[in-house]
Protein backbone atom coordinates (compact mmCIF):
# COMPACT_ATOMS: atom_id res chain seq x y z
CA MET A 1 0.00 0.00 0.00
CA TRP A 2 2.74 2.37 0.86
CA LEU A 3 4.49 1.47 -2.36
CA CYS A 4 1.42 2.30 -4.44
CA ASN A 5 0.97 5.63 -2.79
CA ASN A 6 4.60 6.48 -3.25
CA VAL A 7 4.46 5.57 -6.92
CA SER A 8 1.39 7.77 -7.36
CA TYR A 9 3.09 10.65 -5.68
CA LEU A 10 6.19 10.33 -7.85
CA PHE A 11 4.01 10.21 -10.93
CA ILE A 12 2.20 13.45 -10.05
CA ALA A 13 5.42 15.17 -9.07
CA ASN A 14 6.93 14.23 -12.41
CA ILE A 15 3.94 15.75 -14.22
CA VAL A 16 4.21 18.91 -12.18
CA ASN A 17 7.92 19.28 -12.77
CA SER A 18 7.60 18.73 -16.48
CA SER A 19 4.54 20.96 -17.06
CA PRO A 20 4.19 24.76 -17.02
CA VAL A 21 2.49 26.51 -14.15
CA SER A 22 -0.65 26.95 -16.16
CA SER A 23 -0.99 23.18 -16.44
CA VAL A 24 -0.82 22.87 -12.70
CA SER A 25 -3.48 25.43 -12.30
CA SER A 26 -5.76 23.59 -14.73
CA MET A 27 -5.50 20.22 -13.08
CA SER A 28 -8.69 18.60 -11.94
CA SER A 29 -9.74 18.73 -8.35
CA SER A 30 -9.17 14.99 -8.05
CA SER A 31 -5.50 15.29 -8.95
CA LEU A 32 -5.10 18.08 -6.36
CA HIS A 33 -6.77 15.81 -3.88
CA ILE A 34 -4.16 13.17 -4.55
CA TYR A 35 -1.49 15.80 -4.02
CA HIS A 36 -3.05 16.79 -0.72
CA ASN A 37 -3.00 13.23 0.54
CA SER A 38 0.52 12.72 -0.56
CA ALA A 39 1.71 15.94 1.09
CA VAL A 40 1.16 14.28 4.44
CA MET A 41 4.26 12.29 3.76
CA GLU A 42 6.41 15.40 3.40
CA SER A 43 7.64 15.22 6.96
CA GLU A 44 8.68 11.67 6.44
CA SER A 45 10.42 12.32 3.08
CA PRO A 46 12.72 15.29 3.56
CA GLY A 47 14.51 14.85 0.26
CA ILE A 48 11.47 15.22 -1.95
CA PRO A 49 10.77 18.79 -3.38
CA VAL A 50 7.61 20.65 -2.32
CA VAL A 51 5.20 22.17 -4.80
CA LYS A 52 3.18 25.21 -3.68
CA VAL A 53 0.07 26.24 -5.56
CA VAL A 54 -0.92 29.94 -5.62
CA HIS A 55 -4.46 30.95 -6.59
CA HIS A 56 -4.43 33.89 -9.02
CA GLN A 57 -7.86 35.03 -7.81
CA ASP A 58 -6.60 35.69 -4.28
CA LEU A 59 -3.51 37.47 -5.63
CA ASN A 60 -5.63 39.75 -7.80
CA LYS A 61 -7.83 40.64 -4.83
CA ARG A 62 -4.81 41.67 -2.77
CA ILE A 63 -3.39 43.77 -5.57
CA LEU A 64 -6.78 45.44 -6.07
CA VAL A 65 -7.09 46.25 -2.35
CA ALA A 66 -3.54 47.67 -2.32
CA LEU A 67 -4.29 49.84 -5.36
CA ILE A 68 -7.51 51.14 -3.78
CA VAL A 69 -5.72 52.02 -0.51
CA ALA A 70 -2.84 53.71 -2.34
CA SER A 71 -5.22 55.67 -4.57
CA THR A 72 -7.22 56.83 -1.53
CA LEU A 73 -4.07 58.01 0.26
CA LEU A 74 -2.79 59.76 -2.84
CA GLY A 75 -6.16 61.46 -3.41
CA GLY A 76 -6.27 62.61 0.19
CA LEU A 77 -2.74 63.99 -0.06
CA LEU A 78 -3.58 65.87 -3.27
CA LEU A 79 -6.74 67.29 -1.69
CA PHE A 80 -4.74 68.43 1.35
CA LEU A 81 -2.14 70.15 -0.85
CA ILE A 82 -4.88 71.86 -2.88
CA CYS A 83 -6.49 73.20 0.33
CA ILE A 84 -3.13 74.56 1.51
CA TRP A 85 -2.56 76.23 -1.87
CA ILE A 86 -6.03 77.84 -1.83
CA CYS A 87 -5.54 79.15 1.73
CA ARG A 88 -2.09 80.49 0.88
CA LYS A 89 -3.38 82.22 -2.22
CA LYS A 90 -6.21 83.80 -0.24
CA ASN A 91 -3.80 85.08 2.41
CA LEU A 92 -1.54 86.55 -0.25
CA GLU A 93 -4.51 88.33 -1.83
CA ASP A 94 -5.59 89.68 1.58
CA ASN A 95 -2.09 90.94 2.33
CA SER A 96 -1.55 92.46 -1.10
CA GLY A 97 -3.40 95.62 -0.06
CA LYS A 98 -1.22 96.30 2.96
CA SER A 99 1.57 98.85 3.13
CA LYS A 100 4.48 98.57 0.71
CA GLN A 101 6.70 101.62 0.93
CA ASN A 102 8.29 101.60 -2.47
CA SER A 103 7.55 102.99 -5.88
CA ASP A 104 5.94 99.84 -7.25
CA ALA A 105 3.48 99.46 -4.39
CA ALA A 106 1.02 102.24 -5.05
CA LYS A 107 -1.77 100.16 -6.60
CA GLU A 108 -3.65 98.66 -3.70
CA ILE A 109 -6.38 101.18 -3.06
CA SER A 110 -9.60 100.98 -5.04
CA LEU A 111 -11.59 103.87 -6.41
CA SER A 112 -14.52 103.17 -4.10
CA PRO A 113 -15.46 106.07 -1.76
CA ILE A 114 -12.05 107.25 -0.64
CA GLY A 115 -13.42 109.05 2.41
CA ASP A 116 -14.73 105.79 3.86
CA GLN A 117 -11.35 104.16 3.44
CA PHE A 118 -9.49 107.01 5.14
CA ASN A 119 -12.01 107.29 7.96
CA SER A 120 -12.03 103.56 8.67
CA SER A 121 -8.25 103.59 8.74
CA ARG A 122 -8.22 106.44 11.26
CA LEU A 123 -10.91 104.91 13.45
CA ALA A 124 -9.02 101.63 13.56
CA GLY A 125 -6.10 103.50 15.09
CA LYS A 126 -3.63 100.98 13.73
CA LYS A 127 0.00 101.79 14.18
CA ASP A 128 2.98 100.70 12.10
CA SER A 129 0.97 100.98 8.88
CA VAL A 130 -0.01 103.61 6.37
CA THR A 131 -2.32 103.62 3.35
CA VAL A 132 -0.57 103.70 -0.03
CA ILE A 133 -2.49 105.75 -2.58
CA ASP A 134 -2.56 105.65 -6.37
CA TYR A 135 -0.81 108.58 -8.03
CA GLU A 136 -3.66 108.77 -10.56
CA LEU A 137 -6.08 109.26 -7.69
CA LEU A 138 -4.03 112.18 -6.32
CA GLU A 139 -3.88 113.70 -9.78
CA ALA A 140 -7.63 113.52 -10.15
CA ALA A 141 -8.27 114.90 -6.64
CA THR A 142 -6.00 117.92 -7.20
CA LYS A 143 -6.94 118.45 -10.88
CA LYS A 144 -3.41 117.49 -11.88
CA PHE A 145 -1.97 119.67 -9.11
CA HIS A 146 -3.50 122.82 -10.52
CA GLU A 147 -2.36 126.14 -9.12
CA SER A 148 -5.91 126.96 -8.00
CA ASN A 149 -5.63 124.16 -5.43
CA ILE A 150 -2.39 125.35 -3.82
CA LEU A 151 -2.85 125.83 -0.06
CA GLY A 152 0.70 126.81 0.75
CA GLU A 153 4.29 126.64 -0.36
CA GLY A 154 7.46 126.02 1.60
CA GLY A 155 11.12 125.30 1.04
CA ARG A 156 10.45 121.60 0.53
CA GLY A 157 7.42 121.74 -1.76
CA ARG A 158 3.79 122.73 -2.13
CA VAL A 159 0.62 121.70 -0.33
CA TYR A 160 -2.54 121.17 -2.42
CA LYS A 161 -6.21 120.88 -1.62
CA ALA A 162 -7.52 117.48 -2.72
CA HIS A 163 -11.21 116.76 -3.43
CA PHE A 164 -11.51 112.98 -3.21
CA ASP A 165 -15.30 113.12 -3.38
CA ASP A 166 -18.11 115.58 -2.69
CA LYS A 167 -17.70 115.36 1.08
CA PHE A 168 -14.10 114.41 1.70
CA LEU A 169 -11.22 116.90 1.53
CA ALA A 170 -7.57 116.36 2.35
CA ALA A 171 -4.26 118.15 2.00
CA VAL A 172 -1.58 116.70 -0.28
CA LYS A 173 2.01 117.70 0.30
CA ARG A 174 4.21 117.27 -2.76
CA ILE A 175 7.87 117.00 -1.84
CA ASP A 176 10.12 118.36 -4.56
CA ALA A 177 12.31 115.75 -6.18
CA GLU A 178 15.08 118.33 -6.46
CA TRP A 179 15.29 118.59 -2.67
CA LYS A 180 18.39 116.54 -1.84
CA ASP A 181 17.02 115.28 1.48
CA ALA A 182 13.54 114.58 0.10
CA LYS A 183 13.76 110.80 0.42
CA ARG A 184 15.13 110.86 3.96
CA GLU A 185 12.63 113.41 5.23
CA PHE A 186 9.74 111.62 3.53
CA GLU A 187 10.67 108.35 5.23
CA SER A 188 11.14 110.11 8.56
CA GLU A 189 7.74 111.78 8.35
CA VAL A 190 5.98 108.53 7.47
CA ASN A 191 7.78 106.55 10.18
CA TRP A 192 6.94 109.05 12.92
CA LEU A 193 3.36 109.90 12.00
CA MET A 194 2.21 106.32 11.46
CA ASN A 195 3.23 105.60 15.08
CA ILE A 196 1.96 108.80 16.74
CA ARG A 197 -1.69 109.39 17.63
CA HIS A 198 -2.61 112.59 19.47
CA GLN A 199 -5.30 115.23 19.18
CA ASN A 200 -2.70 117.98 18.73
CA ILE A 201 -0.56 116.20 16.14
CA ILE A 202 -1.55 116.06 12.49
CA SER A 203 -2.97 112.78 11.16
CA LEU A 204 -1.25 111.17 8.18
CA LEU A 205 -3.91 109.59 5.93
CA GLY A 206 -1.66 108.10 3.30
CA CYS A 207 1.37 108.45 1.07
CA CYS A 208 2.48 107.90 -2.51
CA ILE A 209 5.73 107.49 -4.41
CA HIS A 210 5.68 108.24 -8.12
CA GLY A 211 9.02 108.19 -9.86
CA GLU A 212 11.23 110.63 -7.99
CA SER A 213 8.29 112.54 -6.49
CA ARG A 214 6.86 111.82 -3.05
CA PHE A 215 3.46 112.74 -1.66
CA LEU A 216 1.98 112.86 1.85
CA VAL A 217 -1.79 113.07 2.42
CA TYR A 218 -2.97 114.74 5.64
CA GLU A 219 -6.27 115.54 7.24
CA MET A 220 -7.61 118.87 6.03
CA MET A 221 -6.91 121.87 8.29
CA GLN A 222 -9.35 124.52 7.13
CA ASN A 223 -7.70 127.56 8.73
CA GLY A 224 -4.25 126.84 7.36
CA SER A 225 -1.08 127.51 9.29
CA LEU A 226 -0.56 129.83 12.22
CA GLU A 227 1.97 131.68 10.08
CA SER A 228 -0.63 132.44 7.39
CA GLN A 229 -3.10 133.62 10.04
CA LEU A 230 -0.61 135.95 11.74
CA HIS A 231 1.37 137.22 8.77
CA GLY A 232 -1.05 136.69 5.88
CA PRO A 233 -3.69 139.05 4.44
CA THR A 234 -5.78 139.11 7.65
CA HIS A 235 -2.77 139.96 9.87
CA GLY A 236 -4.15 137.98 12.80
CA SER A 237 -7.56 139.64 12.91
CA ALA A 238 -9.31 136.26 13.33
CA LEU A 239 -7.20 135.41 16.39
CA THR A 240 -8.48 136.87 19.63
CA TRP A 241 -6.37 136.94 22.80
CA HIS A 242 -8.03 133.82 24.20
CA LEU A 243 -7.76 132.00 20.86
CA ARG A 244 -4.04 132.75 20.77
CA LEU A 245 -3.60 131.35 24.27
CA LYS A 246 -5.65 128.29 23.29
CA ILE A 247 -3.33 127.72 20.32
CA ALA A 248 -0.32 128.02 22.62
CA VAL A 249 -1.84 125.44 24.99
CA ASP A 250 -2.59 123.07 22.09
CA VAL A 251 1.01 123.30 20.87
CA ALA A 252 2.33 122.73 24.40
CA ARG A 253 0.12 119.64 24.73
CA GLY A 254 1.45 118.24 21.47
CA LEU A 255 5.05 118.82 22.58
CA GLU A 256 4.37 117.32 26.00
CA TYR A 257 3.14 114.16 24.30
CA LEU A 258 6.31 113.96 22.21
CA HIS A 259 8.64 114.67 25.14
CA GLU A 260 6.93 112.80 27.97
CA HIS A 261 4.71 110.08 26.52
CA CYS A 262 6.59 108.75 23.49
CA ASN A 263 9.18 106.04 23.98
CA PRO A 264 11.78 107.05 23.06
CA SER A 265 10.88 110.70 23.49
CA VAL A 266 10.81 112.75 20.31
CA VAL A 267 12.40 116.13 19.54
CA HIS A 268 10.46 117.86 16.76
CA ARG A 269 13.48 119.98 15.78
CA ASP A 270 11.58 122.30 13.44
CA LEU A 271 8.78 123.85 15.47
CA ASN A 272 7.64 127.16 13.98
CA SER A 273 4.41 128.93 13.09
CA SER A 274 4.33 127.46 9.56
CA ASN A 275 4.29 123.92 11.03
CA ILE A 276 1.38 124.65 13.37
CA LEU A 277 -1.88 123.98 11.53
CA LEU A 278 -5.38 125.12 12.54
CA ASP A 279 -8.66 123.32 11.89
CA SER A 280 -12.08 124.92 11.45
CA ASN A 281 -12.34 125.53 15.22
CA PHE A 282 -8.77 126.81 15.53
CA ASN A 283 -7.59 123.65 17.22
CA ALA A 284 -3.83 123.58 16.68
CA LYS A 285 -1.86 120.53 15.53
CA LEU A 286 1.86 120.01 15.03
CA SER A 287 2.95 118.98 11.55
CA ASP A 288 6.09 118.44 9.44
CA PHE A 289 8.01 115.68 11.21
CA GLY A 290 10.63 115.31 8.49
CA LEU A 291 13.37 116.56 10.82
CA ALA A 292 12.09 114.91 14.01
CA ILE A 293 14.58 112.76 15.89
CA ALA A 294 14.62 110.55 18.96
CA ALA A 295 15.88 112.41 22.04
CA GLY A 296 19.39 111.47 23.07
CA THR A 297 20.54 110.66 19.54
CA GLN A 298 24.26 111.31 19.29
CA ASP A 299 24.68 110.60 15.60
CA LYS A 300 27.33 112.93 14.21
CA ASN A 301 25.77 112.59 10.76
CA VAL A 302 22.60 114.37 11.89
CA LYS A 303 22.47 117.52 9.81
CA LEU A 304 22.01 120.89 11.47
CA SER A 305 18.50 121.91 10.46
CA GLY A 306 15.69 124.17 11.53
CA THR A 307 14.04 127.50 10.80
CA LEU A 308 15.98 130.73 11.12
CA GLY A 309 14.97 132.58 14.26
CA CYS A 310 13.53 129.48 15.95
CA VAL A 311 16.70 127.43 16.40
CA ALA A 312 18.07 127.22 19.95
CA PRO A 313 21.55 128.81 20.41
CA GLU A 314 23.19 125.63 21.76
CA TYR A 315 21.99 123.67 18.74
CA LEU A 316 23.06 126.38 16.31
CA LEU A 317 26.51 126.80 17.85
CA ASP A 318 27.41 123.38 19.25
CA GLY A 319 24.93 120.97 17.66
CA ILE A 320 23.49 120.04 21.06
CA LEU A 321 19.91 118.84 20.61
CA THR A 322 17.50 118.09 23.48
CA ASP A 323 13.84 118.59 24.36
CA LYS A 324 14.87 122.05 25.59
CA SER A 325 15.54 122.93 21.93
CA ASP A 326 11.80 122.52 21.28
CA VAL A 327 11.04 124.62 24.37
CA TYR A 328 13.09 127.47 22.89
CA ALA A 329 11.18 127.22 19.60
CA PHE A 330 7.91 127.21 21.55
CA GLY A 331 8.97 130.46 23.25
CA VAL A 332 9.50 132.04 19.83
CA VAL A 333 5.99 130.95 18.73
CA LEU A 334 4.54 132.37 21.96
CA LEU A 335 6.21 135.72 21.21
CA GLU A 336 4.75 135.64 17.68
CA LEU A 337 1.28 135.17 19.16
CA LEU A 338 1.90 137.98 21.61
CA MET A 339 3.46 140.54 19.29
CA GLY A 340 2.33 139.54 15.79
CA ARG A 341 5.91 139.83 14.50
CA LYS A 342 7.96 137.35 12.47
CA PRO A 343 10.86 135.50 14.16
CA VAL A 344 13.31 137.23 11.83
CA GLU A 345 12.61 140.45 9.98
CA LYS A 346 14.64 141.98 7.21
CA MET A 347 15.72 145.48 8.13
CA SER A 348 17.72 145.97 4.94
CA PRO A 349 19.03 143.78 2.13
CA ALA A 350 22.05 142.93 4.27
CA GLN A 351 20.57 143.12 7.77
CA LEU A 352 18.22 140.76 9.62
CA GLN A 353 16.77 141.41 13.04
CA SER A 354 15.88 138.65 15.50
CA MET A 355 12.56 139.10 17.24
CA VAL A 356 13.94 137.56 20.45
CA THR A 357 16.95 139.87 20.56
CA TRP A 358 14.80 142.91 19.86
CA ALA A 359 11.99 142.06 22.29
CA MET A 360 13.91 140.76 25.31
CA PRO A 361 14.66 144.14 26.97
CA GLN A 362 11.02 145.23 26.58
CA LEU A 363 9.53 141.92 27.76
CA THR A 364 11.15 142.36 31.15
CA ASP A 365 10.05 145.99 31.53
CA ARG A 366 6.38 146.21 32.47
CA SER A 367 6.19 149.83 31.40
CA LYS A 368 7.33 148.97 27.86
CA LEU A 369 5.62 145.58 27.50
CA PRO A 370 2.19 146.95 26.44
CA ASN A 371 3.79 148.82 23.56
CA ILE A 372 5.04 145.69 21.81
CA VAL A 373 1.75 143.77 21.94
CA ASP A 374 0.07 143.03 18.59
CA PRO A 375 -2.29 145.98 17.91
CA VAL A 376 -5.07 143.51 16.99
CA ILE A 377 -5.28 142.30 20.62
CA LYS A 378 -3.76 145.23 22.44
CA ASP A 379 -6.88 146.25 24.38
CA THR A 380 -8.41 142.82 24.91
CA MET A 381 -6.51 141.06 27.70
CA ASP A 382 -6.15 141.21 31.43
CA LEU A 383 -2.89 142.97 32.32
CA LYS A 384 -1.93 140.26 34.85
CA HIS A 385 -2.37 137.60 32.19
CA LEU A 386 -0.17 139.57 29.81
CA TYR A 387 2.61 139.69 32.40
CA GLN A 388 2.31 135.93 32.97
CA VAL A 389 2.51 135.08 29.29
CA ALA A 390 5.48 137.39 28.80
CA ALA A 391 7.26 135.81 31.77
CA VAL A 392 6.73 132.30 30.36
CA ALA A 393 8.06 133.39 26.95
CA VAL A 394 11.17 134.95 28.51
CA LEU A 395 11.95 131.73 30.38
CA CYS A 396 11.50 129.60 27.25
CA VAL A 397 13.98 131.64 25.17
CA GLN A 398 16.74 131.74 27.74
CA PRO A 399 20.17 131.23 26.08
CA GLU A 400 21.14 128.65 28.71
CA PRO A 401 19.12 125.42 28.21
CA SER A 402 19.11 124.52 31.91
CA TYR A 403 17.26 127.79 32.70
CA ARG A 404 14.39 126.88 30.41
CA PRO A 405 11.39 125.09 31.94
CA LEU A 406 10.07 121.68 30.89
CA ILE A 407 7.19 121.88 28.44
CA THR A 408 4.96 120.29 31.11
CA ASP A 409 5.61 123.24 33.43
CA VAL A 410 4.88 125.64 30.58
CA LEU A 411 1.59 123.91 29.92
CA HIS A 412 0.52 124.08 33.56
CA SER A 413 1.32 127.82 33.58
CA LEU A 414 -0.83 128.59 30.55
CA ILE A 415 -3.90 126.40 31.14
CA PRO A 416 -5.30 128.68 33.89
CA LEU A 417 -5.27 131.61 31.42
CA VAL A 418 -7.50 129.87 28.84
CA PRO A 419 -11.30 129.79 29.25
CA ALA A 420 -12.79 126.40 30.08
CA GLU A 421 -14.83 126.32 26.85
CA LEU A 422 -11.55 126.58 24.91
CA GLY A 423 -9.82 123.76 26.77
CA GLY A 424 -8.38 125.65 29.72
CA SER A 425 -9.46 126.09 33.31
CA LEU A 426 -10.29 129.79 33.39
CA ARG A 427 -13.84 130.65 34.40
CA VAL A 428 -15.46 133.64 32.76
CA SER A 429 -16.12 135.22 36.15
CA GLU A 430 -12.40 135.08 36.91
CA SER A 431 -11.56 137.17 33.88
CA THR A 432 -11.47 140.82 34.85
CA THR A 433 -12.19 143.77 32.61
CA PRO A 434 -9.44 144.27 30.03
CA VAL A 435 -7.06 147.11 30.77
CA ARG A 436 -6.42 149.61 28.01
CA PHE A 437 -2.78 150.39 27.39
CA HIS A 438 -1.47 153.85 26.77
CA SER A 439 1.63 154.39 24.74
CA SER A 440 4.44 156.09 26.60
CA HIS A 441 6.36 158.71 24.71
């Protein structure tokens, strides 16, 4: 019996070894059954080769499952990458409208109501950012910078009235490309004003770079500069005594913010009546921060700059710049408000006269003081208040910086002289009848 089985096994093995795999796969189930029975003898016949049969149907199923799993994973990965790409593209589009301070970046703002855009930007109070405006929009708002829209003109360029729509007005300062420090002062102005927020400091609404020209867009100040009010066609007739003191208090508040509340503290460096702007209610705001510098800066490359007649002696002679330099300039502005004179007046083609030098002897003499007051306000103030204002001005323009008061002390000295309805603490009942001055001959 064993012999027969062994012979049968050898016969089948010979067929398997001599036939292709396909023949094995096509064998009848009875032959496979014989193989199965014979395989029991494998453990007892170690020298005989083993034949393994693989079913193609099972193999195909496994390959199909593997392909399905791989396809699912690949599809999921592709979907994930597409989602990341869409999100990234959306973020790039959202960020494309943000500030880019170079000449190729002035195309983010749409032509939708410009007033809404400016107002929303101001209300947001965001620092470290500024709106970049299309040059074409500025051209349209100023009628291609027509002369009829000129509000003022200084050494560094012109200021134009800009009509962005029926209700929204702004002032556009065009910095001359020929000005050698135009780029540096433009960058300085933008850097300072986009980080400073105060009721007595001008608001920067936006900027533009077009070729070599640079533009700054400010809130509109309907009454122009203090210089134009005092020395323009009206010769100060719109400025009463109390309004002049209110303007002085507003300027002092702006300087106090720069000196005491900014970190680091800021020295304006070019305070003068042309850089003090007045809105429709004669609220004063400091402007022109192109020369502003952080207090304590010891950079030898800082150029000596300022307005003739308003520059402190120690800065003019030795280049020493501190917050007391601004206090000196404030004293000059206070004397302008008091006397209605310019800081420097031309006596002859070759001779200039400093207002401070001329006025100092008379400011300290009460008998002469009334004679140098601006005729427009000469008979409208309390004599005690006049003496106080003159005393503050004298202290501010002292040649020695250490003798000058802090701007905070100046502010506290002037607030009691301004009526409460104008931002001071003076009650109407406290204001006595104005004393009329009589010229002494």
